[in-house]
Amino acid sequence: MLDILIVMNNYFHDVATATLIAAAAIMWTLERQALRGAPEDLATLTRAYPTLSRFANAALVWVILGGISRVITFNSHDLGAIRGDLIPAIAVKHVVEVAAVVLGVLLWRRVRNRIQASGEGIRA
């Protein structure tokens, strides 16, 4: 039973990573439209901001918490450790993911500041 829980945690950790990156991609797209478009495009960004922020925050928490147990059980339950040939790829993946999180945080701050400066205000 514990093995099933560990594998499920690993799966949901990957899903959370994808959710985090997808939320950032959507936020970036909406921001670009708001910069180029009509005032209603900024209103769309303003309405989407709280929801995308909740998704991103929840995903980030799961990535961190799920990652702790994933690190602990890596040698026994992760394909890369079992096969032994994916360690360099996993290292590169984590560098890219950390960069994505840092860029995402910068994006979120920029969008939040843009919304506040516009006078729209962020609705919860």
C-alpha atoms as a PDB file:
ATOM      1  CA  MET A   1       0.000   0.000   0.000  1.00  0.00           C
ATOM      2  CA  LEU A   2       2.853   2.385   0.844  1.00  0.00           C
ATOM      3  CA  ASP A   3       4.357   1.788  -2.610  1.00  0.00           C
ATOM      4  CA  ILE A   4       1.087   2.844  -4.235  1.00  0.00           C
ATOM      5  CA  LEU A   5       0.982   6.046  -2.175  1.00  0.00           C
ATOM      6  CA  ILE A   6       4.570   6.866  -3.094  1.00  0.00           C
ATOM      7  CA  VAL A   7       3.943   6.325  -6.804  1.00  0.00           C
ATOM      8  CA  MET A   8       0.753   8.410  -6.621  1.00  0.00           C
ATOM      9  CA  ASN A   9       2.654  11.195  -4.843  1.00  0.00           C
ATOM     10  CA  ASN A  10       5.275  11.134  -7.603  1.00  0.00           C
ATOM     11  CA  TYR A  11       2.564  11.327 -10.243  1.00  0.00           C
ATOM     12  CA  PHE A  12       0.766  14.229  -8.538  1.00  0.00           C
ATOM     13  CA  HIS A  13       4.106  15.978  -8.057  1.00  0.00           C
ATOM     14  CA  ASP A  14       4.565  15.889 -11.848  1.00  0.00           C
ATOM     15  CA  VAL A  15       0.972  17.064 -12.391  1.00  0.00           C
ATOM     16  CA  ALA A  16       1.532  19.955  -9.966  1.00  0.00           C
ATOM     17  CA  THR A  17       4.667  20.948 -11.873  1.00  0.00           C
ATOM     18  CA  ALA A  18       2.718  20.970 -15.132  1.00  0.00           C
ATOM     19  CA  THR A  19      -0.113  22.960 -13.498  1.00  0.00           C
ATOM     20  CA  LEU A  20       2.336  25.554 -12.231  1.00  0.00           C
ATOM     21  CA  ILE A  21       3.921  26.011 -15.648  1.00  0.00           C
ATOM     22  CA  ALA A  22       0.516  26.068 -17.382  1.00  0.00           C
ATOM     23  CA  ALA A  23      -0.798  28.756 -15.011  1.00  0.00           C
ATOM     24  CA  ALA A  24       2.258  30.878 -15.762  1.00  0.00           C
ATOM     25  CA  ALA A  25       1.820  30.379 -19.518  1.00  0.00           C
ATOM     26  CA  ILE A  26      -1.830  31.458 -19.294  1.00  0.00           C
ATOM     27  CA  MET A  27      -0.918  34.483 -17.155  1.00  0.00           C
ATOM     28  CA  TRP A  28       1.803  35.487 -19.618  1.00  0.00           C
ATOM     29  CA  THR A  29      -0.577  35.162 -22.565  1.00  0.00           C
ATOM     30  CA  LEU A  30      -3.278  37.237 -20.856  1.00  0.00           C
ATOM     31  CA  GLU A  31      -0.732  39.881 -19.923  1.00  0.00           C
ATOM     32  CA  ARG A  32       0.486  40.155 -23.519  1.00  0.00           C
ATOM     33  CA  GLN A  33      -3.095  40.544 -24.728  1.00  0.00           C
ATOM     34  CA  ALA A  34      -3.757  43.204 -22.090  1.00  0.00           C
ATOM     35  CA  LEU A  35      -0.692  45.167 -23.193  1.00  0.00           C
ATOM     36  CA  ARG A  36      -1.692  45.125 -26.860  1.00  0.00           C
ATOM     37  CA  GLY A  37      -5.444  45.140 -26.633  1.00  0.00           C
ATOM     38  CA  ALA A  38      -8.449  47.039 -25.514  1.00  0.00           C
ATOM     39  CA  PRO A  39      -9.334  47.961 -21.906  1.00  0.00           C
ATOM     40  CA  GLU A  40     -11.518  44.858 -21.609  1.00  0.00           C
ATOM     41  CA  ASP A  41      -8.368  42.748 -22.098  1.00  0.00           C
ATOM     42  CA  LEU A  42      -6.930  44.250 -18.913  1.00  0.00           C
ATOM     43  CA  ALA A  43     -10.227  43.513 -17.183  1.00  0.00           C
ATOM     44  CA  THR A  44      -9.928  39.878 -18.302  1.00  0.00           C
ATOM     45  CA  LEU A  45      -6.416  39.695 -16.867  1.00  0.00           C
ATOM     46  CA  THR A  46      -7.640  41.268 -13.639  1.00  0.00           C
ATOM     47  CA  ARG A  47     -10.475  38.719 -13.325  1.00  0.00           C
ATOM     48  CA  ALA A  48      -8.175  35.772 -14.098  1.00  0.00           C
ATOM     49  CA  TYR A  49      -5.368  36.838 -11.758  1.00  0.00           C
ATOM     50  CA  PRO A  50      -6.849  35.556  -8.460  1.00  0.00           C
ATOM     51  CA  THR A  51      -7.863  32.182  -9.898  1.00  0.00           C
ATOM     52  CA  LEU A  52      -4.549  31.610 -11.647  1.00  0.00           C
ATOM     53  CA  SER A  53      -2.757  32.692  -8.470  1.00  0.00           C
ATOM     54  CA  ARG A  54      -4.655  30.120  -6.399  1.00  0.00           C
ATOM     55  CA  PHE A  55      -3.821  27.366  -8.905  1.00  0.00           C
ATOM     56  CA  ALA A  56      -0.167  28.393  -9.004  1.00  0.00           C
ATOM     57  CA  ASN A  57       0.158  28.680  -5.228  1.00  0.00           C
ATOM     58  CA  ALA A  58      -1.485  25.312  -4.612  1.00  0.00           C
ATOM     59  CA  ALA A  59       0.685  23.707  -7.275  1.00  0.00           C
ATOM     60  CA  LEU A  60       3.851  25.236  -5.819  1.00  0.00           C
ATOM     61  CA  VAL A  61       2.971  23.977  -2.343  1.00  0.00           C
ATOM     62  CA  TRP A  62       2.395  20.475  -3.750  1.00  0.00           C
ATOM     63  CA  VAL A  63       5.650  20.603  -5.721  1.00  0.00           C
ATOM     64  CA  ILE A  64       7.559  21.458  -2.552  1.00  0.00           C
ATOM     65  CA  LEU A  65       5.748  19.109  -0.143  1.00  0.00           C
ATOM     66  CA  GLY A  66       5.448  16.268  -2.643  1.00  0.00           C
ATOM     67  CA  GLY A  67       9.063  16.800  -3.605  1.00  0.00           C
ATOM     68  CA  ILE A  68      10.221  16.164  -0.044  1.00  0.00           C
ATOM     69  CA  SER A  69       8.844  12.633   0.018  1.00  0.00           C
ATOM     70  CA  ARG A  70       9.953  12.130  -3.576  1.00  0.00           C
ATOM     71  CA  VAL A  71      13.545  12.913  -2.607  1.00  0.00           C
ATOM     72  CA  ILE A  72      13.335  10.582   0.384  1.00  0.00           C
ATOM     73  CA  THR A  73      12.032   7.675  -1.723  1.00  0.00           C
ATOM     74  CA  PHE A  74      13.985   8.491  -4.893  1.00  0.00           C
ATOM     75  CA  ASN A  75      16.377   5.544  -4.789  1.00  0.00           C
ATOM     76  CA  SER A  76      13.627   2.981  -4.412  1.00  0.00           C
ATOM     77  CA  HIS A  77      10.711   4.393  -6.432  1.00  0.00           C
ATOM     78  CA  ASP A  78      11.930   6.697  -9.172  1.00  0.00           C
ATOM     79  CA  LEU A  79      12.638   5.294 -12.611  1.00  0.00           C
ATOM     80  CA  GLY A  80      15.803   7.367 -13.024  1.00  0.00           C
ATOM     81  CA  ALA A  81      17.336   5.957  -9.865  1.00  0.00           C
ATOM     82  CA  ILE A  82      16.245   2.413 -10.607  1.00  0.00           C
ATOM     83  CA  ARG A  83      17.699   2.485 -14.127  1.00  0.00           C
ATOM     84  CA  GLY A  84      20.564   4.759 -13.140  1.00  0.00           C
ATOM     85  CA  ASP A  85      20.833   6.484 -16.507  1.00  0.00           C
ATOM     86  CA  LEU A  86      18.478   9.420 -16.068  1.00  0.00           C
ATOM     87  CA  ILE A  87      20.295  11.276 -13.284  1.00  0.00           C
ATOM     88  CA  PRO A  88      21.827  13.947 -15.595  1.00  0.00           C
ATOM     89  CA  ALA A  89      18.453  14.514 -17.265  1.00  0.00           C
ATOM     90  CA  ILE A  90      16.753  14.881 -13.887  1.00  0.00           C
ATOM     91  CA  ALA A  91      19.384  17.409 -12.810  1.00  0.00           C
ATOM     92  CA  VAL A  92      18.832  19.482 -15.964  1.00  0.00           C
ATOM     93  CA  LYS A  93      15.056  19.212 -15.489  1.00  0.00           C
ATOM     94  CA  HIS A  94      15.328  20.659 -11.988  1.00  0.00           C
ATOM     95  CA  VAL A  95      17.507  23.553 -13.138  1.00  0.00           C
ATOM     96  CA  VAL A  96      14.897  24.393 -15.792  1.00  0.00           C
ATOM     97  CA  GLU A  97      12.059  24.068 -13.279  1.00  0.00           C
ATOM     98  CA  VAL A  98      13.752  26.332 -10.729  1.00  0.00           C
ATOM     99  CA  ALA A  99      14.310  28.897 -13.468  1.00  0.00           C
ATOM    100  CA  ALA A 100      10.622  28.596 -14.443  1.00  0.00           C
ATOM    101  CA  VAL A 101       9.529  29.206 -10.848  1.00  0.00           C
ATOM    102  CA  VAL A 102      11.779  32.261 -10.509  1.00  0.00           C
ATOM    103  CA  LEU A 103      10.521  33.675 -13.815  1.00  0.00           C
ATOM    104  CA  GLY A 104       6.944  32.886 -12.758  1.00  0.00           C
ATOM    105  CA  VAL A 105       7.345  34.803  -9.502  1.00  0.00           C
ATOM    106  CA  LEU A 106       8.697  37.785 -11.438  1.00  0.00           C
ATOM    107  CA  LEU A 107       5.777  37.521 -13.880  1.00  0.00           C
ATOM    108  CA  TRP A 108       3.223  37.398 -11.064  1.00  0.00           C
ATOM    109  CA  ARG A 109       4.733  40.467  -9.404  1.00  0.00           C
ATOM    110  CA  ARG A 110       4.789  42.392 -12.667  1.00  0.00           C
ATOM    111  CA  VAL A 111       1.159  41.518 -13.425  1.00  0.00           C
ATOM    112  CA  ARG A 112       0.043  42.366  -9.886  1.00  0.00           C
ATOM    113  CA  ASN A 113       1.796  45.751 -10.108  1.00  0.00           C
ATOM    114  CA  ARG A 114       0.286  46.410 -13.552  1.00  0.00           C
ATOM    115  CA  ILE A 115      -3.220  45.637 -12.284  1.00  0.00           C
ATOM    116  CA  GLN A 116      -2.791  47.805  -9.202  1.00  0.00           C
ATOM    117  CA  ALA A 117      -1.357  50.670 -11.248  1.00  0.00           C
ATOM    118  CA  SER A 118      -4.312  50.522 -13.618  1.00  0.00           C
ATOM    119  CA  GLY A 119      -6.739  51.172 -10.807  1.00  0.00           C
ATOM    120  CA  GLU A 120      -8.624  47.947 -11.570  1.00  0.00           C
ATOM    121  CA  GLY A 121      -7.733  46.363  -8.246  1.00  0.00           C
ATOM    122  CA  ILE A 122      -7.406  42.652  -7.652  1.00  0.00           C
ATOM    123  CA  ARG A 123     -10.637  40.907  -6.720  1.00  0.00           C
ATOM    124  CA  ALA A 124     -10.448  37.799  -4.598  1.00  0.00           C
END
